[in-house]
PDB file of N, CA and C in Angstrom:
ATOM      1  N   MET A   1       1.346  -6.434   3.630  1.00  0.00           N
ATOM      2  CA  MET A   1       1.813  -5.877   4.897  1.00  0.00           C
ATOM      3  C   MET A   1       3.332  -5.730   4.890  1.00  0.00           C
ATOM      4  N   LYS A   2       4.027  -6.666   4.230  1.00  0.00           N
ATOM      5  CA  LYS A   2       5.492  -6.573   4.203  1.00  0.00           C
ATOM      6  C   LYS A   2       5.958  -5.309   3.484  1.00  0.00           C
ATOM      7  N   ILE A   3       5.292  -5.009   2.396  1.00  0.00           N
ATOM      8  CA  ILE A   3       5.678  -3.830   1.629  1.00  0.00           C
ATOM      9  C   ILE A   3       5.457  -2.557   2.454  1.00  0.00           C
ATOM     10  N   PHE A   4       4.362  -2.510   3.182  1.00  0.00           N
ATOM     11  CA  PHE A   4       4.034  -1.364   4.025  1.00  0.00           C
ATOM     12  C   PHE A   4       5.089  -1.180   5.109  1.00  0.00           C
ATOM     13  N   ILE A   5       5.531  -2.274   5.711  1.00  0.00           N
ATOM     14  CA  ILE A   5       6.588  -2.190   6.739  1.00  0.00           C
ATOM     15  C   ILE A   5       7.871  -1.671   6.139  1.00  0.00           C
ATOM     16  N   TYR A   6       8.223  -2.165   4.947  1.00  0.00           N
ATOM     17  CA  TYR A   6       9.456  -1.709   4.323  1.00  0.00           C
ATOM     18  C   TYR A   6       9.356  -0.220   3.951  1.00  0.00           C
ATOM     19  N   ILE A   7       8.189   0.228   3.527  1.00  0.00           N
ATOM     20  CA  ILE A   7       8.003   1.643   3.197  1.00  0.00           C
ATOM     21  C   ILE A   7       8.178   2.504   4.461  1.00  0.00           C
ATOM     22  N   LEU A   8       7.608   2.048   5.581  1.00  0.00           N
ATOM     23  CA  LEU A   8       7.759   2.798   6.818  1.00  0.00           C
ATOM     24  C   LEU A   8       9.216   2.831   7.293  1.00  0.00           C
ATOM     25  N   ILE A   9       9.943   1.730   7.112  1.00  0.00           N
ATOM     26  CA  ILE A   9      11.365   1.714   7.464  1.00  0.00           C
ATOM     27  C   ILE A   9      12.149   2.702   6.637  1.00  0.00           C
ATOM     28  N   VAL A  10      11.881   2.726   5.335  1.00  0.00           N
ATOM     29  CA  VAL A  10      12.583   3.665   4.438  1.00  0.00           C
ATOM     30  C   VAL A  10      12.243   5.106   4.829  1.00  0.00           C
ATOM     31  N   LEU A  11      10.987   5.375   5.145  1.00  0.00           N
ATOM     32  CA  LEU A  11      10.613   6.748   5.554  1.00  0.00           C
ATOM     33  C   LEU A  11      11.305   7.150   6.853  1.00  0.00           C
ATOM     34  N   ALA A  12      11.396   6.226   7.806  1.00  0.00           N
ATOM     35  CA  ALA A  12      12.093   6.513   9.073  1.00  0.00           C
ATOM     36  C   ALA A  12      13.569   6.776   8.823  1.00  0.00           C
ATOM     37  N   LEU A  13      14.181   5.994   7.951  1.00  0.00           N
ATOM     38  CA  LEU A  13      15.583   6.208   7.630  1.00  0.00           C
ATOM     39  C   LEU A  13      15.797   7.545   6.904  1.00  0.00           C
ATOM     40  N   ALA A  14      14.851   7.899   6.048  1.00  0.00           N
ATOM     41  CA  ALA A  14      14.932   9.210   5.365  1.00  0.00           C
ATOM     42  C   ALA A  14      14.812  10.353   6.384  1.00  0.00           C
ATOM     43  N   LEU A  15      13.973  10.197   7.391  1.00  0.00           N
ATOM     44  CA  LEU A  15      13.867  11.207   8.432  1.00  0.00           C
ATOM     45  C   LEU A  15      15.157  11.327   9.241  1.00  0.00           C
ATOM     46  N   ILE A  16      15.818  10.207   9.464  1.00  0.00           N
ATOM     47  CA  ILE A  16      17.100  10.246  10.156  1.00  0.00           C
ATOM     48  C   ILE A  16      18.112  11.047   9.355  1.00  0.00           C
ATOM     49  N   VAL A  17      18.189  10.753   8.066  1.00  0.00           N
ATOM     50  CA  VAL A  17      19.140  11.494   7.211  1.00  0.00           C
ATOM     51  C   VAL A  17      18.812  12.971   7.170  1.00  0.00           C
ATOM     52  N   PHE A  18      17.533  13.290   7.044  1.00  0.00           N
ATOM     53  CA  PHE A  18      17.124  14.695   7.021  1.00  0.00           C
ATOM     54  C   PHE A  18      17.484  15.403   8.329  1.00  0.00           C
ATOM     55  N   ASN A  19      17.237  14.760   9.445  1.00  0.00           N
ATOM     56  CA  ASN A  19      17.527  15.385  10.722  1.00  0.00           C
ATOM     57  C   ASN A  19      19.024  15.495  10.968  1.00  0.00           C
ATOM     58  N   ILE A  20      19.819  14.602  10.421  1.00  0.00           N
ATOM     59  CA  ILE A  20      21.277  14.745  10.548  1.00  0.00           C
ATOM     60  C   ILE A  20      21.746  16.012   9.841  1.00  0.00           C
ATOM     61  N   THR A  21      21.099  16.357   8.734  1.00  0.00           N
ATOM     62  CA  THR A  21      21.504  17.577   8.015  1.00  0.00           C
ATOM     63  C   THR A  21      21.169  18.833   8.816  1.00  0.00           C
ATOM     64  N   LEU A  22      20.216  18.737   9.742  1.00  0.00           N
ATOM     65  CA  LEU A  22      19.842  19.903  10.534  1.00  0.00           C
ATOM     66  C   LEU A  22      20.701  20.090  11.776  1.00  0.00           C
ATOM     67  N   LEU A  23      21.535  19.118  12.092  1.00  0.00           N
ATOM     68  CA  LEU A  23      22.348  19.199  13.313  1.00  0.00           C
ATOM     69  C   LEU A  23      23.443  20.265  13.167  1.00  0.00           C
ATOM     70  N   ASP A  24      23.645  21.007  14.231  1.00  0.00           N
ATOM     71  CA  ASP A  24      24.777  21.927  14.348  1.00  0.00           C
ATOM     72  C   ASP A  24      25.680  21.317  15.424  1.00  0.00           C
ATOM     73  N   PHE A  25      26.792  20.762  15.011  1.00  0.00           N
ATOM     74  CA  PHE A  25      27.638  20.017  15.938  1.00  0.00           C
ATOM     75  C   PHE A  25      28.356  20.919  16.959  1.00  0.00           C
ATOM     76  N   ASN A  26      28.367  22.209  16.705  1.00  0.00           N
ATOM     77  CA  ASN A  26      28.955  23.134  17.692  1.00  0.00           C
ATOM     78  C   ASN A  26      28.015  23.378  18.871  1.00  0.00           C
ATOM     79  N   ASN A  27      26.718  23.410  18.589  1.00  0.00           N
ATOM     80  CA  ASN A  27      25.697  23.616  19.624  1.00  0.00           C
ATOM     81  C   ASN A  27      24.642  22.520  19.495  1.00  0.00           C
ATOM     82  N   ILE A  28      24.990  21.302  19.868  1.00  0.00           N
ATOM     83  CA  ILE A  28      24.131  20.169  19.611  1.00  0.00           C
ATOM     84  C   ILE A  28      22.877  20.163  20.484  1.00  0.00           C
ATOM     85  N   PHE A  29      22.934  20.776  21.660  1.00  0.00           N
ATOM     86  CA  PHE A  29      21.800  20.736  22.592  1.00  0.00           C
ATOM     87  C   PHE A  29      21.056  22.067  22.659  1.00  0.00           C
ATOM     88  N   ARG A  30      21.089  22.848  21.596  1.00  0.00           N
ATOM     89  CA  ARG A  30      20.420  24.141  21.585  1.00  0.00           C
ATOM     90  C   ARG A  30      19.576  24.280  20.299  1.00  0.00           C
ATOM     91  N   GLY A  31      18.406  24.817  20.440  1.00  0.00           N
ATOM     92  CA  GLY A  31      17.563  25.201  19.305  1.00  0.00           C
ATOM     93  C   GLY A  31      17.169  24.055  18.405  1.00  0.00           C
ATOM     94  N   ASP A  32      17.360  24.276  17.097  1.00  0.00           N
ATOM     95  CA  ASP A  32      16.938  23.292  16.104  1.00  0.00           C
ATOM     96  C   ASP A  32      17.753  22.006  16.180  1.00  0.00           C
ATOM     97  N   SER A  33      18.970  22.090  16.686  1.00  0.00           N
ATOM     98  CA  SER A  33      19.793  20.873  16.807  1.00  0.00           C
ATOM     99  C   SER A  33      19.178  19.907  17.816  1.00  0.00           C
ATOM    100  N   LEU A  34      18.619  20.417  18.879  1.00  0.00           N
ATOM    101  CA  LEU A  34      17.985  19.576  19.872  1.00  0.00           C
ATOM    102  C   LEU A  34      16.742  18.907  19.281  1.00  0.00           C
ATOM    103  N   VAL A  35      15.957  19.658  18.509  1.00  0.00           N
ATOM    104  CA  VAL A  35      14.782  19.096  17.857  1.00  0.00           C
ATOM    105  C   VAL A  35      15.203  18.004  16.861  1.00  0.00           C
ATOM    106  N   ALA A  36      16.259  18.283  16.126  1.00  0.00           N
ATOM    107  CA  ALA A  36      16.765  17.264  15.179  1.00  0.00           C
ATOM    108  C   ALA A  36      17.269  16.036  15.895  1.00  0.00           C
ATOM    109  N   LEU A  37      17.937  16.211  17.003  1.00  0.00           N
ATOM    110  CA  LEU A  37      18.436  15.072  17.803  1.00  0.00           C
ATOM    111  C   LEU A  37      17.271  14.236  18.331  1.00  0.00           C
ATOM    112  N   ILE A  38      16.229  14.873  18.795  1.00  0.00           N
ATOM    113  CA  ILE A  38      15.032  14.151  19.259  1.00  0.00           C
ATOM    114  C   ILE A  38      14.387  13.409  18.082  1.00  0.00           C
ATOM    115  N   GLY A  39      14.351  14.022  16.932  1.00  0.00           N
ATOM    116  CA  GLY A  39      13.802  13.380  15.746  1.00  0.00           C
ATOM    117  C   GLY A  39      14.597  12.152  15.339  1.00  0.00           C
ATOM    118  N   ILE A  40      15.909  12.227  15.449  1.00  0.00           N
ATOM    119  CA  ILE A  40      16.769  11.086  15.133  1.00  0.00           C
ATOM    120  C   ILE A  40      16.507   9.937  16.068  1.00  0.00           C
ATOM    121  N   VAL A  41      16.439  10.227  17.355  1.00  0.00           N
ATOM    122  CA  VAL A  41      16.187   9.183  18.351  1.00  0.00           C
ATOM    123  C   VAL A  41      14.801   8.580  18.136  1.00  0.00           C
ATOM    124  N   ALA A  42      13.816   9.391  17.880  1.00  0.00           N
ATOM    125  CA  ALA A  42      12.458   8.878  17.644  1.00  0.00           C
ATOM    126  C   ALA A  42      12.406   8.000  16.385  1.00  0.00           C
ATOM    127  N   SER A  43      13.099   8.397  15.342  1.00  0.00           N
ATOM    128  CA  SER A  43      13.130   7.590  14.119  1.00  0.00           C
ATOM    129  C   SER A  43      13.852   6.272  14.333  1.00  0.00           C
ATOM    130  N   LEU A  44      14.916   6.300  15.117  1.00  0.00           N
ATOM    131  CA  LEU A  44      15.627   5.047  15.438  1.00  0.00           C
ATOM    132  C   LEU A  44      14.728   4.104  16.228  1.00  0.00           C
ATOM    133  N   CYS A  45      13.944   4.660  17.144  1.00  0.00           N
ATOM    134  CA  CYS A  45      12.986   3.844  17.898  1.00  0.00           C
ATOM    135  C   CYS A  45      11.935   3.247  16.962  1.00  0.00           C
ATOM    136  N   ALA A  46      11.469   4.039  16.007  1.00  0.00           N
ATOM    137  CA  ALA A  46      10.466   3.544  15.055  1.00  0.00           C
ATOM    138  C   ALA A  46      11.028   2.418  14.211  1.00  0.00           C
ATOM    139  N   VAL A  47      12.293   2.546  13.774  1.00  0.00           N
ATOM    140  CA  VAL A  47      12.906   1.481  12.992  1.00  0.00           C
ATOM    141  C   VAL A  47      13.040   0.203  13.813  1.00  0.00           C
ATOM    142  N   CYS A  48      13.444   0.330  15.057  1.00  0.00           N
ATOM    143  CA  CYS A  48      13.559  -0.855  15.946  1.00  0.00           C
ATOM    144  C   CYS A  48      12.201  -1.519  16.127  1.00  0.00           C
ATOM    145  N   ILE A  49      11.162  -0.731  16.372  1.00  0.00           N
ATOM    146  CA  ILE A  49       9.843  -1.286  16.561  1.00  0.00           C
ATOM    147  C   ILE A  49       9.354  -1.985  15.289  1.00  0.00           C
ATOM    148  N   LEU A  50       9.612  -1.415  14.147  1.00  0.00           N
ATOM    149  CA  LEU A  50       9.211  -2.043  12.898  1.00  0.00           C
ATOM    150  C   LEU A  50       9.942  -3.344  12.630  1.00  0.00           C
ATOM    151  N   PHE A  51      11.232  -3.408  12.988  1.00  0.00           N
ATOM    152  CA  PHE A  51      11.962  -4.674  12.825  1.00  0.00           C
ATOM    153  C   PHE A  51      11.441  -5.730  13.799  1.00  0.00           C
ATOM    154  N   ILE A  52      11.076  -5.332  15.002  1.00  0.00           N
ATOM    155  CA  ILE A  52      10.484  -6.273  15.970  1.00  0.00           C
ATOM    156  C   ILE A  52       9.147  -6.772  15.442  1.00  0.00           C
ATOM    157  N   PHE A  53       8.338  -5.870  14.901  1.00  0.00           N
ATOM    158  CA  PHE A  53       7.047  -6.264  14.352  1.00  0.00           C
ATOM    159  C   PHE A  53       7.219  -7.232  13.179  1.00  0.00           C
ATOM    160  N   LYS A  54       8.202  -6.950  12.315  1.00  0.00           N
ATOM    161  CA  LYS A  54       8.468  -7.822  11.165  1.00  0.00           C
ATOM    162  C   LYS A  54       8.913  -9.215  11.650  1.00  0.00           C
ATOM    163  N   ALA A  55       9.748  -9.256  12.657  1.00  0.00           N
ATOM    164  CA  ALA A  55      10.198 -10.544  13.205  1.00  0.00           C
ATOM    165  C   ALA A  55       9.037 -11.313  13.831  1.00  0.00           C
ATOM    166  N   SER A  56       8.148 -10.605  14.513  1.00  0.00           N
ATOM    167  CA  SER A  56       7.010 -11.277  15.117  1.00  0.00           C
ATOM    168  C   SER A  56       6.049 -11.834  14.059  1.00  0.00           C
ATOM    169  N   LYS A  57       5.898 -11.122  12.954  1.00  0.00           N
ATOM    170  CA  LYS A  57       5.071 -11.635  11.862  1.00  0.00           C
ATOM    171  C   LYS A  57       5.701 -12.878  11.239  1.00  0.00           C
ATOM    172  N   ASN A  58       7.022 -12.890  11.108  1.00  0.00           N
ATOM    173  CA  ASN A  58       7.706 -14.069  10.578  1.00  0.00           C
ATOM    174  C   ASN A  58       7.524 -15.265  11.504  1.00  0.00           C
ATOM    175  N   ILE A  59       7.620 -15.047  12.799  1.00  0.00           N
ATOM    176  CA  ILE A  59       7.412 -16.130  13.758  1.00  0.00           C
ATOM    177  C   ILE A  59       5.985 -16.625  13.721  1.00  0.00           C
ATOM    178  N   GLU A  60       5.043 -15.684  13.586  1.00  0.00           N
ATOM    179  CA  GLU A  60       3.642 -16.078  13.526  1.00  0.00           C
ATOM    180  C   GLU A  60       3.345 -16.949  12.284  1.00  0.00           C
ATOM    181  N   GLU A  61       3.965 -16.593  11.165  1.00  0.00           N
ATOM    182  CA  GLU A  61       3.783 -17.399   9.936  1.00  0.00           C
ATOM    183  C   GLU A  61       4.375 -18.785  10.103  1.00  0.00           C
ATOM    184  N   LYS A  62       5.506 -18.908  10.744  1.00  0.00           N
ATOM    185  CA  LYS A  62       6.136 -20.205  10.899  1.00  0.00           C
ATOM    186  C   LYS A  62       5.408 -21.106  11.869  1.00  0.00           C
ATOM    187  N   THR A  63       4.814 -20.543  12.908  1.00  0.00           N
ATOM    188  CA  THR A  63       4.110 -21.364  13.903  1.00  0.00           C
ATOM    189  C   THR A  63       2.679 -21.682  13.454  1.00  0.00           C
ATOM    190  N   ARG A  64       2.149 -20.976  12.503  1.00  0.00           N
ATOM    191  CA  ARG A  64       0.800 -21.203  12.025  1.00  0.00           C
ATOM    192  C   ARG A  64       0.712 -22.500  11.235  1.00  0.00           C
ATOM    193  N   HIS A  65       1.781 -22.850  10.508  1.00  0.00           N
ATOM    194  CA  HIS A  65       1.742 -24.035   9.634  1.00  0.00           C
ATOM    195  C   HIS A  65       2.146 -25.272  10.332  1.00  0.00           C
TER     196      HIS A  65
END
């Protein structure tokens, strides 16, 4: 499960980098830049959720023993 979480985190970070390349800083809230901005925010949320899930699994392992 730990490896799967790390793979998902890496994929989310790769999506962030990809979406940053699609941004047009002159028109950030128009067209493809808006879609890229939404993708960046969604990927950041996914990374946060995965870190919370990883922390909860660590707590679960420590309280089980």
